Amino acid sequence: MGSDYRGSLTYLLSYMSQMGGWSILDYGLHFAADPVDYLRLGYASSLSSWALVNSGTKESGYGAWFPSPNNDGATGGGFMPEPLGRAWIGKQMARGAWFYSAEEDVSYCAAIRTHATVVTRDPALGEIAFGGVLTRDGTSVKVIPRDGLRVRFHVVRVGQRFHMELDHDGYAKEQPIVVSDDLSRIQFTVENRTGGAHSTGLSIEGLPAGDYEVAVDGRRAGSVKGGQGTTVSLPLSADPRSGVTIQRRSTPVEPDLAGLRSGVTIQRRSTPVEPDLAGLRSGVTIQRRSTPVEPDL
């Protein structure tokens, strides 16, 4: 799966297999209304022609196609699927990888520009990470990137197209990228491949609307707004690894009321104020007589 097809089965896994996979996967990641088939085929194509590399351990003879230490790391330019057939330059050869490399280096250039870890929900495969190992943890997923480069990470789910890429360095080997289901929190570890303290760029696209704080090793490194693509600079120490967190602010900042600064409280009275009678101040009582006063005869 993933090979190019030139109208016959005499020549498979040419350099156009991975070049085609590059474009197909890019379309699935960014543009396709229904990305399922494009993600499957594009990712398989990006891996396909690596099968032609002749490489192995000493015990295995340094490769299955042409065992010899002299051929360790070499690659064939295509695959002959028939028991015996005529290869591209007119030579007869048996089934297997070609014994000359042709333009396969172009294929690998495309593969390096394609490889990524892609989180998705596939109707047949379920919740999966192409190029990684995914486990669920409550309302988050933990993904170990194993795509070979560990610099690109994508989430393509219903209503979500999230993309995150480091311009150098990489996601730490065998360390999880933790992503909440609503994309409100992303946490990962950066592997310092440059050496020494420096800054690395992280491009982010596809966060939901909102304001997000970016922290490196617990210290604020910047902020980003959801709904737009941006690049944030991550200040890395000379340590081999640094932890990065991207988290959405949970509540808006309340305005600071001037009256509250000095501790003054203004509150509406629950009952009306009774008028203060002047007569009551001096203790005088005025009372109506219950019987009329008799005249003094």
C-alpha atoms as a PDB file:
ATOM      1  CA  MET A   1       0.000   0.000   0.000  1.00  0.00           C
ATOM      2  CA  GLY A   2       1.239   3.486  -0.845  1.00  0.00           C
ATOM      3  CA  SER A   3       3.180   2.736  -4.028  1.00  0.00           C
ATOM      4  CA  ASP A   4       2.768   4.787  -7.160  1.00  0.00           C
ATOM      5  CA  TYR A   5       1.254   3.016 -10.165  1.00  0.00           C
ATOM      6  CA  ARG A   6       2.419   3.575 -13.741  1.00  0.00           C
ATOM      7  CA  GLY A   7      -0.188   1.525 -15.566  1.00  0.00           C
ATOM      8  CA  SER A   8       1.448  -1.875 -14.972  1.00  0.00           C
ATOM      9  CA  LEU A   9       2.916  -3.898 -12.132  1.00  0.00           C
ATOM     10  CA  THR A  10       6.440  -4.105 -13.524  1.00  0.00           C
ATOM     11  CA  TYR A  11       7.757  -1.084 -11.606  1.00  0.00           C
ATOM     12  CA  LEU A  12       6.611  -0.163  -8.088  1.00  0.00           C
ATOM     13  CA  LEU A  13       7.888   1.987  -5.203  1.00  0.00           C
ATOM     14  CA  SER A  14       9.525   4.575  -7.439  1.00  0.00           C
ATOM     15  CA  TYR A  15      10.612   7.971  -6.142  1.00  0.00           C
ATOM     16  CA  MET A  16       7.116   9.269  -6.913  1.00  0.00           C
ATOM     17  CA  SER A  17       5.582   7.079  -4.190  1.00  0.00           C
ATOM     18  CA  GLN A  18       6.807   9.244  -1.328  1.00  0.00           C
ATOM     19  CA  MET A  19       6.565  12.470  -3.305  1.00  0.00           C
ATOM     20  CA  GLY A  20       2.909  11.687  -3.993  1.00  0.00           C
ATOM     21  CA  GLY A  21       2.403  10.771  -0.333  1.00  0.00           C
ATOM     22  CA  TRP A  22       3.736  14.182   0.684  1.00  0.00           C
ATOM     23  CA  SER A  23       1.019  16.004  -1.265  1.00  0.00           C
ATOM     24  CA  ILE A  24      -1.775  13.577  -0.351  1.00  0.00           C
ATOM     25  CA  LEU A  25      -1.059  13.751   3.366  1.00  0.00           C
ATOM     26  CA  ASP A  26      -0.786  17.544   3.247  1.00  0.00           C
ATOM     27  CA  TYR A  27      -4.217  17.713   1.596  1.00  0.00           C
ATOM     28  CA  GLY A  28      -5.694  15.445   4.262  1.00  0.00           C
ATOM     29  CA  LEU A  29      -4.164  17.431   7.111  1.00  0.00           C
ATOM     30  CA  HIS A  30      -5.196  20.890   5.946  1.00  0.00           C
ATOM     31  CA  PHE A  31      -7.917  20.866   3.308  1.00  0.00           C
ATOM     32  CA  ALA A  32      -9.983  17.685   2.825  1.00  0.00           C
ATOM     33  CA  ALA A  33     -13.575  17.864   4.069  1.00  0.00           C
ATOM     34  CA  ASP A  34     -13.369  14.121   4.832  1.00  0.00           C
ATOM     35  CA  PRO A  35      -9.670  13.459   5.538  1.00  0.00           C
ATOM     36  CA  VAL A  36      -9.830   9.750   6.475  1.00  0.00           C
ATOM     37  CA  ASP A  37      -8.719   8.196   3.173  1.00  0.00           C
ATOM     38  CA  TYR A  38      -6.125  10.896   2.528  1.00  0.00           C
ATOM     39  CA  LEU A  39      -4.512  10.391   5.928  1.00  0.00           C
ATOM     40  CA  ARG A  40      -4.309   6.633   5.457  1.00  0.00           C
ATOM     41  CA  LEU A  41      -2.972   6.664   1.896  1.00  0.00           C
ATOM     42  CA  GLY A  42      -0.735   9.698   2.363  1.00  0.00           C
ATOM     43  CA  TYR A  43       0.915   8.303   5.466  1.00  0.00           C
ATOM     44  CA  ALA A  44       1.418   4.851   3.941  1.00  0.00           C
ATOM     45  CA  SER A  45       2.939   6.435   0.838  1.00  0.00           C
ATOM     46  CA  SER A  46       5.341   8.522   2.920  1.00  0.00           C
ATOM     47  CA  LEU A  47       6.709   5.289   4.404  1.00  0.00           C
ATOM     48  CA  SER A  48       6.542   3.068   1.313  1.00  0.00           C
ATOM     49  CA  SER A  49       9.906   3.356  -0.439  1.00  0.00           C
ATOM     50  CA  TRP A  50      11.928   3.033   2.765  1.00  0.00           C
ATOM     51  CA  ALA A  51      11.295  -0.690   2.138  1.00  0.00           C
ATOM     52  CA  LEU A  52      13.976  -0.564  -0.576  1.00  0.00           C
ATOM     53  CA  VAL A  53      16.807   0.369   1.793  1.00  0.00           C
ATOM     54  CA  ASN A  54      19.351  -2.435   2.146  1.00  0.00           C
ATOM     55  CA  SER A  55      20.378  -2.301   5.779  1.00  0.00           C
ATOM     56  CA  GLY A  56      20.733  -4.572   8.763  1.00  0.00           C
ATOM     57  CA  THR A  57      22.907  -5.961  11.504  1.00  0.00           C
ATOM     58  CA  LYS A  58      25.999  -8.096  11.079  1.00  0.00           C
ATOM     59  CA  GLU A  59      23.960 -11.146  12.086  1.00  0.00           C
ATOM     60  CA  SER A  60      21.446 -10.461   9.308  1.00  0.00           C
ATOM     61  CA  GLY A  61      24.124  -9.947   6.655  1.00  0.00           C
ATOM     62  CA  TYR A  62      23.733  -6.152   6.535  1.00  0.00           C
ATOM     63  CA  GLY A  63      20.508  -6.233   4.600  1.00  0.00           C
ATOM     64  CA  ALA A  64      17.964  -8.552   3.020  1.00  0.00           C
ATOM     65  CA  TRP A  65      18.211  -7.372  -0.597  1.00  0.00           C
ATOM     66  CA  PHE A  66      21.979  -7.522  -1.223  1.00  0.00           C
ATOM     67  CA  PRO A  67      23.739  -8.907   1.865  1.00  0.00           C
ATOM     68  CA  SER A  68      27.218  -7.426   2.248  1.00  0.00           C
ATOM     69  CA  PRO A  69      28.831  -4.799   4.462  1.00  0.00           C
ATOM     70  CA  ASN A  70      29.662  -2.934   1.245  1.00  0.00           C
ATOM     71  CA  ASN A  71      25.926  -2.586   0.490  1.00  0.00           C
ATOM     72  CA  ASP A  72      24.818  -1.605   3.984  1.00  0.00           C
ATOM     73  CA  GLY A  73      22.733   1.588   3.671  1.00  0.00           C
ATOM     74  CA  ALA A  74      22.344   1.446  -0.104  1.00  0.00           C
ATOM     75  CA  THR A  75      18.908   1.541  -1.717  1.00  0.00           C
ATOM     76  CA  GLY A  76      17.190   0.312  -4.845  1.00  0.00           C
ATOM     77  CA  GLY A  77      15.474   2.642  -7.286  1.00  0.00           C
ATOM     78  CA  GLY A  78      12.284   0.597  -7.536  1.00  0.00           C
ATOM     79  CA  PHE A  79      10.713  -2.773  -6.900  1.00  0.00           C
ATOM     80  CA  MET A  80      10.219  -5.605  -9.369  1.00  0.00           C
ATOM     81  CA  PRO A  81       7.039  -7.502  -8.301  1.00  0.00           C
ATOM     82  CA  GLU A  82       7.197 -10.190 -11.014  1.00  0.00           C
ATOM     83  CA  PRO A  83       9.280 -13.384 -10.663  1.00  0.00           C
ATOM     84  CA  LEU A  84      11.465 -12.136 -13.512  1.00  0.00           C
ATOM     85  CA  GLY A  85      11.118  -8.946 -15.460  1.00  0.00           C
ATOM     86  CA  ARG A  86      12.744  -6.093 -17.265  1.00  0.00           C
ATOM     87  CA  ALA A  87      13.722  -3.136 -15.130  1.00  0.00           C
ATOM     88  CA  TRP A  88      13.605   0.474 -16.228  1.00  0.00           C
ATOM     89  CA  ILE A  89      17.011   0.583 -17.945  1.00  0.00           C
ATOM     90  CA  GLY A  90      16.413  -2.648 -19.856  1.00  0.00           C
ATOM     91  CA  LYS A  91      18.129  -5.107 -17.535  1.00  0.00           C
ATOM     92  CA  GLN A  92      16.497  -8.382 -16.631  1.00  0.00           C
ATOM     93  CA  MET A  93      16.207  -8.975 -12.901  1.00  0.00           C
ATOM     94  CA  ALA A  94      14.418 -11.198 -10.406  1.00  0.00           C
ATOM     95  CA  ARG A  95      11.706 -10.083  -7.993  1.00  0.00           C
ATOM     96  CA  GLY A  96      12.960  -7.583  -5.423  1.00  0.00           C
ATOM     97  CA  ALA A  97      14.625  -4.203  -5.074  1.00  0.00           C
ATOM     98  CA  TRP A  98      16.530  -2.901  -8.075  1.00  0.00           C
ATOM     99  CA  PHE A  99      20.279  -3.238  -7.858  1.00  0.00           C
ATOM    100  CA  TYR A 100      20.767   0.417  -8.838  1.00  0.00           C
ATOM    101  CA  SER A 101      19.348   3.391  -6.990  1.00  0.00           C
ATOM    102  CA  ALA A 102      18.100   5.635  -9.836  1.00  0.00           C
ATOM    103  CA  GLU A 103      16.300   8.700  -8.366  1.00  0.00           C
ATOM    104  CA  GLU A 104      15.269   7.231  -5.021  1.00  0.00           C
ATOM    105  CA  ASP A 105      17.121  10.004  -3.175  1.00  0.00           C
ATOM    106  CA  VAL A 106      14.382  12.391  -4.366  1.00  0.00           C
ATOM    107  CA  SER A 107      11.834  10.099  -2.747  1.00  0.00           C
ATOM    108  CA  TYR A 108      13.603  10.288   0.601  1.00  0.00           C
ATOM    109  CA  CYS A 109      13.807  14.081   0.425  1.00  0.00           C
ATOM    110  CA  ALA A 110      10.001  14.111   0.170  1.00  0.00           C
ATOM    111  CA  ALA A 111       9.683  11.610   3.019  1.00  0.00           C
ATOM    112  CA  ILE A 112      11.742  13.769   5.376  1.00  0.00           C
ATOM    113  CA  ARG A 113       9.489  16.737   4.588  1.00  0.00           C
ATOM    114  CA  THR A 114       6.413  14.600   5.301  1.00  0.00           C
ATOM    115  CA  HIS A 115       7.086  12.528   8.412  1.00  0.00           C
ATOM    116  CA  ALA A 116       4.972  13.557  11.403  1.00  0.00           C
ATOM    117  CA  THR A 117       2.866  12.118  14.188  1.00  0.00           C
ATOM    118  CA  VAL A 118      -0.847  12.436  13.381  1.00  0.00           C
ATOM    119  CA  VAL A 119      -3.625  11.893  15.926  1.00  0.00           C
ATOM    120  CA  THR A 120      -7.025  11.071  14.464  1.00  0.00           C
ATOM    121  CA  ARG A 121     -10.180   9.008  14.920  1.00  0.00           C
ATOM    122  CA  ASP A 122     -10.399   6.535  12.069  1.00  0.00           C
ATOM    123  CA  PRO A 123     -13.777   4.818  11.488  1.00  0.00           C
ATOM    124  CA  ALA A 124     -12.030   1.472  10.950  1.00  0.00           C
ATOM    125  CA  LEU A 125      -8.900   1.804  13.083  1.00  0.00           C
ATOM    126  CA  GLY A 126     -10.404   3.774  15.958  1.00  0.00           C
ATOM    127  CA  GLU A 127      -8.475   6.388  17.916  1.00  0.00           C
ATOM    128  CA  ILE A 128      -4.952   6.175  16.544  1.00  0.00           C
ATOM    129  CA  ALA A 129      -1.686   8.041  16.104  1.00  0.00           C
ATOM    130  CA  PHE A 130      -0.060   7.506  12.712  1.00  0.00           C
ATOM    131  CA  GLY A 131       3.668   7.563  13.440  1.00  0.00           C
ATOM    132  CA  GLY A 132       3.196   7.225  17.192  1.00  0.00           C
ATOM    133  CA  VAL A 133       1.800   5.236  20.091  1.00  0.00           C
ATOM    134  CA  LEU A 134      -1.429   6.578  21.611  1.00  0.00           C
ATOM    135  CA  THR A 135      -2.971   5.832  24.992  1.00  0.00           C
ATOM    136  CA  ARG A 136      -6.041   7.449  26.523  1.00  0.00           C
ATOM    137  CA  ASP A 137      -5.902   9.052  29.959  1.00  0.00           C
ATOM    138  CA  GLY A 138      -9.354  10.340  30.959  1.00  0.00           C
ATOM    139  CA  THR A 139     -10.171  13.390  28.836  1.00  0.00           C
ATOM    140  CA  SER A 140      -6.676  13.492  27.307  1.00  0.00           C
ATOM    141  CA  VAL A 141      -4.496  11.377  25.051  1.00  0.00           C
ATOM    142  CA  LYS A 142      -0.812  10.654  25.569  1.00  0.00           C
ATOM    143  CA  VAL A 143       1.151  10.187  22.359  1.00  0.00           C
ATOM    144  CA  ILE A 144       4.727   8.904  22.040  1.00  0.00           C
ATOM    145  CA  PRO A 145       6.042  10.266  18.711  1.00  0.00           C
ATOM    146  CA  ARG A 146       7.914   7.630  16.694  1.00  0.00           C
ATOM    147  CA  ASP A 147       7.835   9.072  13.196  1.00  0.00           C
ATOM    148  CA  GLY A 148      11.628   9.221  12.933  1.00  0.00           C
ATOM    149  CA  LEU A 149      11.987  13.012  13.091  1.00  0.00           C
ATOM    150  CA  ARG A 150       9.795  14.085  16.043  1.00  0.00           C
ATOM    151  CA  VAL A 151       9.362  17.695  14.888  1.00  0.00           C
ATOM    152  CA  ARG A 152       5.764  17.758  13.532  1.00  0.00           C
ATOM    153  CA  PHE A 153       2.584  16.936  15.423  1.00  0.00           C
ATOM    154  CA  HIS A 154      -0.995  17.097  14.135  1.00  0.00           C
ATOM    155  CA  VAL A 155      -4.472  16.469  15.539  1.00  0.00           C
ATOM    156  CA  VAL A 156      -7.186  15.883  12.922  1.00  0.00           C
ATOM    157  CA  ARG A 157     -10.548  15.084  14.503  1.00  0.00           C
ATOM    158  CA  VAL A 158     -14.126  16.212  13.942  1.00  0.00           C
ATOM    159  CA  GLY A 159     -14.069  19.994  14.259  1.00  0.00           C
ATOM    160  CA  GLN A 160     -10.331  20.047  15.020  1.00  0.00           C
ATOM    161  CA  ARG A 161      -7.260  20.645  12.851  1.00  0.00           C
ATOM    162  CA  PHE A 162      -4.360  21.384  15.146  1.00  0.00           C
ATOM    163  CA  HIS A 163      -0.766  21.636  13.909  1.00  0.00           C
ATOM    164  CA  MET A 164       2.429  22.111  15.904  1.00  0.00           C
ATOM    165  CA  GLU A 165       5.974  22.134  14.472  1.00  0.00           C
ATOM    166  CA  LEU A 166       9.422  22.884  15.888  1.00  0.00           C
ATOM    167  CA  ASP A 167      11.821  24.708  13.569  1.00  0.00           C
ATOM    168  CA  HIS A 168      14.774  22.870  15.129  1.00  0.00           C
ATOM    169  CA  ASP A 169      15.400  20.603  18.137  1.00  0.00           C
ATOM    170  CA  GLY A 170      12.574  18.045  18.525  1.00  0.00           C
ATOM    171  CA  TYR A 171      10.036  16.346  20.749  1.00  0.00           C
ATOM    172  CA  ALA A 172      11.903  14.243  23.299  1.00  0.00           C
ATOM    173  CA  LYS A 173      12.423  10.568  22.521  1.00  0.00           C
ATOM    174  CA  GLU A 174       9.883   8.271  24.190  1.00  0.00           C
ATOM    175  CA  GLN A 175       8.306  11.179  26.091  1.00  0.00           C
ATOM    176  CA  PRO A 176       4.543  11.753  25.659  1.00  0.00           C
ATOM    177  CA  ILE A 177       2.810  14.688  24.055  1.00  0.00           C
ATOM    178  CA  VAL A 178      -0.307  15.129  26.204  1.00  0.00           C
ATOM    179  CA  VAL A 179      -3.337  16.696  24.509  1.00  0.00           C
ATOM    180  CA  SER A 180      -6.708  17.362  26.129  1.00  0.00           C
ATOM    181  CA  ASP A 181      -9.763  16.464  24.062  1.00  0.00           C
ATOM    182  CA  ASP A 182     -10.878  20.106  23.806  1.00  0.00           C
ATOM    183  CA  LEU A 183      -7.302  21.321  23.022  1.00  0.00           C
ATOM    184  CA  SER A 184      -7.350  23.552  26.114  1.00  0.00           C
ATOM    185  CA  ARG A 185      -4.036  22.106  27.316  1.00  0.00           C
ATOM    186  CA  ILE A 186      -1.038  20.685  25.444  1.00  0.00           C
ATOM    187  CA  GLN A 187       2.054  19.482  27.269  1.00  0.00           C
ATOM    188  CA  PHE A 188       5.291  18.048  25.870  1.00  0.00           C
ATOM    189  CA  THR A 189       9.053  17.839  26.345  1.00  0.00           C
ATOM    190  CA  VAL A 190      11.578  19.414  23.960  1.00  0.00           C
ATOM    191  CA  GLU A 191      14.843  17.615  23.291  1.00  0.00           C
ATOM    192  CA  ASN A 192      17.788  20.030  23.067  1.00  0.00           C
ATOM    193  CA  ARG A 193      19.571  18.931  19.885  1.00  0.00           C
ATOM    194  CA  THR A 194      21.471  22.176  19.326  1.00  0.00           C
ATOM    195  CA  GLY A 195      23.407  22.252  22.590  1.00  0.00           C
ATOM    196  CA  GLY A 196      23.696  25.177  24.972  1.00  0.00           C
ATOM    197  CA  ALA A 197      21.022  27.682  25.911  1.00  0.00           C
ATOM    198  CA  HIS A 198      19.097  29.026  22.936  1.00  0.00           C
ATOM    199  CA  SER A 199      15.604  29.744  21.622  1.00  0.00           C
ATOM    200  CA  THR A 200      13.653  27.512  19.283  1.00  0.00           C
ATOM    201  CA  GLY A 201      10.581  28.450  17.265  1.00  0.00           C
ATOM    202  CA  LEU A 202       7.289  26.610  17.691  1.00  0.00           C
ATOM    203  CA  SER A 203       4.640  27.204  15.024  1.00  0.00           C
ATOM    204  CA  ILE A 204       1.064  26.641  16.227  1.00  0.00           C
ATOM    205  CA  GLU A 205      -2.126  26.571  14.189  1.00  0.00           C
ATOM    206  CA  GLY A 206      -5.673  25.452  14.921  1.00  0.00           C
ATOM    207  CA  LEU A 207      -6.172  26.225  18.610  1.00  0.00           C
ATOM    208  CA  PRO A 208      -9.808  27.030  19.460  1.00  0.00           C
ATOM    209  CA  ALA A 209     -10.665  30.674  20.105  1.00  0.00           C
ATOM    210  CA  GLY A 210      -9.298  32.014  23.367  1.00  0.00           C
ATOM    211  CA  ASP A 211      -6.122  33.230  25.036  1.00  0.00           C
ATOM    212  CA  TYR A 212      -3.357  30.740  25.840  1.00  0.00           C
ATOM    213  CA  GLU A 213      -0.293  30.957  28.052  1.00  0.00           C
ATOM    214  CA  VAL A 214       2.954  29.265  26.997  1.00  0.00           C
ATOM    215  CA  ALA A 215       5.375  28.186  29.724  1.00  0.00           C
ATOM    216  CA  VAL A 216       8.816  26.556  29.547  1.00  0.00           C
ATOM    217  CA  ASP A 217       9.950  24.690  32.661  1.00  0.00           C
ATOM    218  CA  GLY A 218       7.225  26.463  34.638  1.00  0.00           C
ATOM    219  CA  ARG A 219       8.212  29.982  33.537  1.00  0.00           C
ATOM    220  CA  ARG A 220       6.012  32.089  31.281  1.00  0.00           C
ATOM    221  CA  ALA A 221       7.445  32.277  27.760  1.00  0.00           C
ATOM    222  CA  GLY A 222       4.632  34.083  25.940  1.00  0.00           C
ATOM    223  CA  SER A 223       0.997  33.988  24.969  1.00  0.00           C
ATOM    224  CA  VAL A 224      -0.919  33.074  21.828  1.00  0.00           C
ATOM    225  CA  LYS A 225      -4.452  33.608  20.593  1.00  0.00           C
ATOM    226  CA  GLY A 226      -6.557  30.753  19.308  1.00  0.00           C
ATOM    227  CA  GLY A 227      -8.150  30.897  15.891  1.00  0.00           C
ATOM    228  CA  GLN A 228      -4.995  32.014  14.106  1.00  0.00           C
ATOM    229  CA  GLY A 229      -1.579  30.654  13.188  1.00  0.00           C
ATOM    230  CA  THR A 230       1.438  31.988  15.031  1.00  0.00           C
ATOM    231  CA  THR A 231       5.019  31.230  15.987  1.00  0.00           C
ATOM    232  CA  VAL A 232       6.212  31.500  19.569  1.00  0.00           C
ATOM    233  CA  SER A 233       9.836  31.526  20.720  1.00  0.00           C
ATOM    234  CA  LEU A 234      10.708  28.929  23.360  1.00  0.00           C
ATOM    235  CA  PRO A 235      13.733  29.854  25.518  1.00  0.00           C
ATOM    236  CA  LEU A 236      15.567  26.605  26.236  1.00  0.00           C
ATOM    237  CA  SER A 237      18.250  26.138  28.853  1.00  0.00           C
ATOM    238  CA  ALA A 238      21.394  24.112  28.269  1.00  0.00           C
ATOM    239  CA  ASP A 239      19.675  21.117  29.867  1.00  0.00           C
ATOM    240  CA  PRO A 240      19.044  18.109  27.604  1.00  0.00           C
ATOM    241  CA  ARG A 241      15.258  18.501  27.999  1.00  0.00           C
ATOM    242  CA  SER A 242      12.750  21.241  28.750  1.00  0.00           C
ATOM    243  CA  GLY A 243       9.052  20.908  29.563  1.00  0.00           C
ATOM    244  CA  VAL A 244       6.567  23.038  27.611  1.00  0.00           C
ATOM    245  CA  THR A 245       2.925  23.731  28.467  1.00  0.00           C
ATOM    246  CA  ILE A 246       0.299  25.529  26.380  1.00  0.00           C
ATOM    247  CA  GLN A 247      -2.857  26.227  28.387  1.00  0.00           C
ATOM    248  CA  ARG A 248      -5.983  28.243  27.774  1.00  0.00           C
ATOM    249  CA  ARG A 249      -6.916  30.853  30.356  1.00  0.00           C
ATOM    250  CA  SER A 250      -9.947  29.486  32.148  1.00  0.00           C
ATOM    251  CA  THR A 251     -11.610  32.775  33.177  1.00  0.00           C
ATOM    252  CA  PRO A 252     -11.423  36.368  31.919  1.00  0.00           C
ATOM    253  CA  VAL A 253      -9.560  38.904  34.022  1.00  0.00           C
ATOM    254  CA  GLU A 254     -12.031  40.898  36.136  1.00  0.00           C
ATOM    255  CA  PRO A 255     -11.656  44.719  36.092  1.00  0.00           C
ATOM    256  CA  ASP A 256     -10.176  46.249  39.236  1.00  0.00           C
ATOM    257  CA  LEU A 257     -12.792  48.524  40.855  1.00  0.00           C
ATOM    258  CA  ALA A 258     -11.288  51.694  42.307  1.00  0.00           C
ATOM    259  CA  GLY A 259     -13.529  51.549  45.352  1.00  0.00           C
ATOM    260  CA  LEU A 260     -12.335  48.082  46.266  1.00  0.00           C
ATOM    261  CA  ARG A 261      -8.695  49.148  46.267  1.00  0.00           C
ATOM    262  CA  SER A 262      -9.130  51.155  49.504  1.00  0.00           C
ATOM    263  CA  GLY A 263     -11.342  48.565  51.141  1.00  0.00           C
ATOM    264  CA  VAL A 264     -14.513  50.666  50.830  1.00  0.00           C
ATOM    265  CA  THR A 265     -17.796  48.773  50.486  1.00  0.00           C
ATOM    266  CA  ILE A 266     -20.858  50.436  48.989  1.00  0.00           C
ATOM    267  CA  GLN A 267     -24.080  48.535  49.644  1.00  0.00           C
ATOM    268  CA  ARG A 268     -27.785  49.323  49.201  1.00  0.00           C
ATOM    269  CA  ARG A 269     -29.749  49.495  52.453  1.00  0.00           C
ATOM    270  CA  SER A 270     -32.360  46.808  52.748  1.00  0.00           C
ATOM    271  CA  THR A 271     -34.835  49.009  54.731  1.00  0.00           C
ATOM    272  CA  PRO A 272     -35.608  52.738  54.496  1.00  0.00           C
ATOM    273  CA  VAL A 273     -34.103  55.058  57.091  1.00  0.00           C
ATOM    274  CA  GLU A 274     -36.668  56.254  59.607  1.00  0.00           C
ATOM    275  CA  PRO A 275     -36.685  60.029  60.163  1.00  0.00           C
ATOM    276  CA  ASP A 276     -35.104  61.185  63.456  1.00  0.00           C
ATOM    277  CA  LEU A 277     -37.745  63.023  65.493  1.00  0.00           C
ATOM    278  CA  ALA A 278     -36.330  66.035  67.282  1.00  0.00           C
ATOM    279  CA  GLY A 279     -38.586  65.456  70.205  1.00  0.00           C
ATOM    280  CA  LEU A 280     -37.188  62.003  70.877  1.00  0.00           C
ATOM    281  CA  ARG A 281     -33.670  63.382  71.219  1.00  0.00           C
ATOM    282  CA  SER A 282     -34.518  65.125  74.547  1.00  0.00           C
ATOM    283  CA  GLY A 283     -36.569  62.279  75.940  1.00  0.00           C
ATOM    284  CA  VAL A 284     -39.909  64.200  75.741  1.00  0.00           C
ATOM    285  CA  THR A 285     -43.086  62.143  75.298  1.00  0.00           C
ATOM    286  CA  ILE A 286     -46.198  63.615  73.689  1.00  0.00           C
ATOM    287  CA  GLN A 287     -49.327  61.517  74.175  1.00  0.00           C
ATOM    288  CA  ARG A 288     -53.048  62.084  73.503  1.00  0.00           C
ATOM    289  CA  ARG A 289     -55.309  62.041  76.567  1.00  0.00           C
ATOM    290  CA  SER A 290     -57.695  59.156  76.630  1.00  0.00           C
ATOM    291  CA  THR A 291     -60.497  61.201  78.428  1.00  0.00           C
ATOM    292  CA  PRO A 292     -61.560  64.783  77.940  1.00  0.00           C
ATOM    293  CA  VAL A 293     -60.437  67.346  80.546  1.00  0.00           C
ATOM    294  CA  GLU A 294     -63.327  68.429  82.809  1.00  0.00           C
ATOM    295  CA  PRO A 295     -63.740  72.234  83.142  1.00  0.00           C
ATOM    296  CA  ASP A 296     -62.902  73.714  86.557  1.00  0.00           C
ATOM    297  CA  LEU A 297     -66.329  75.064  87.771  1.00  0.00           C
END
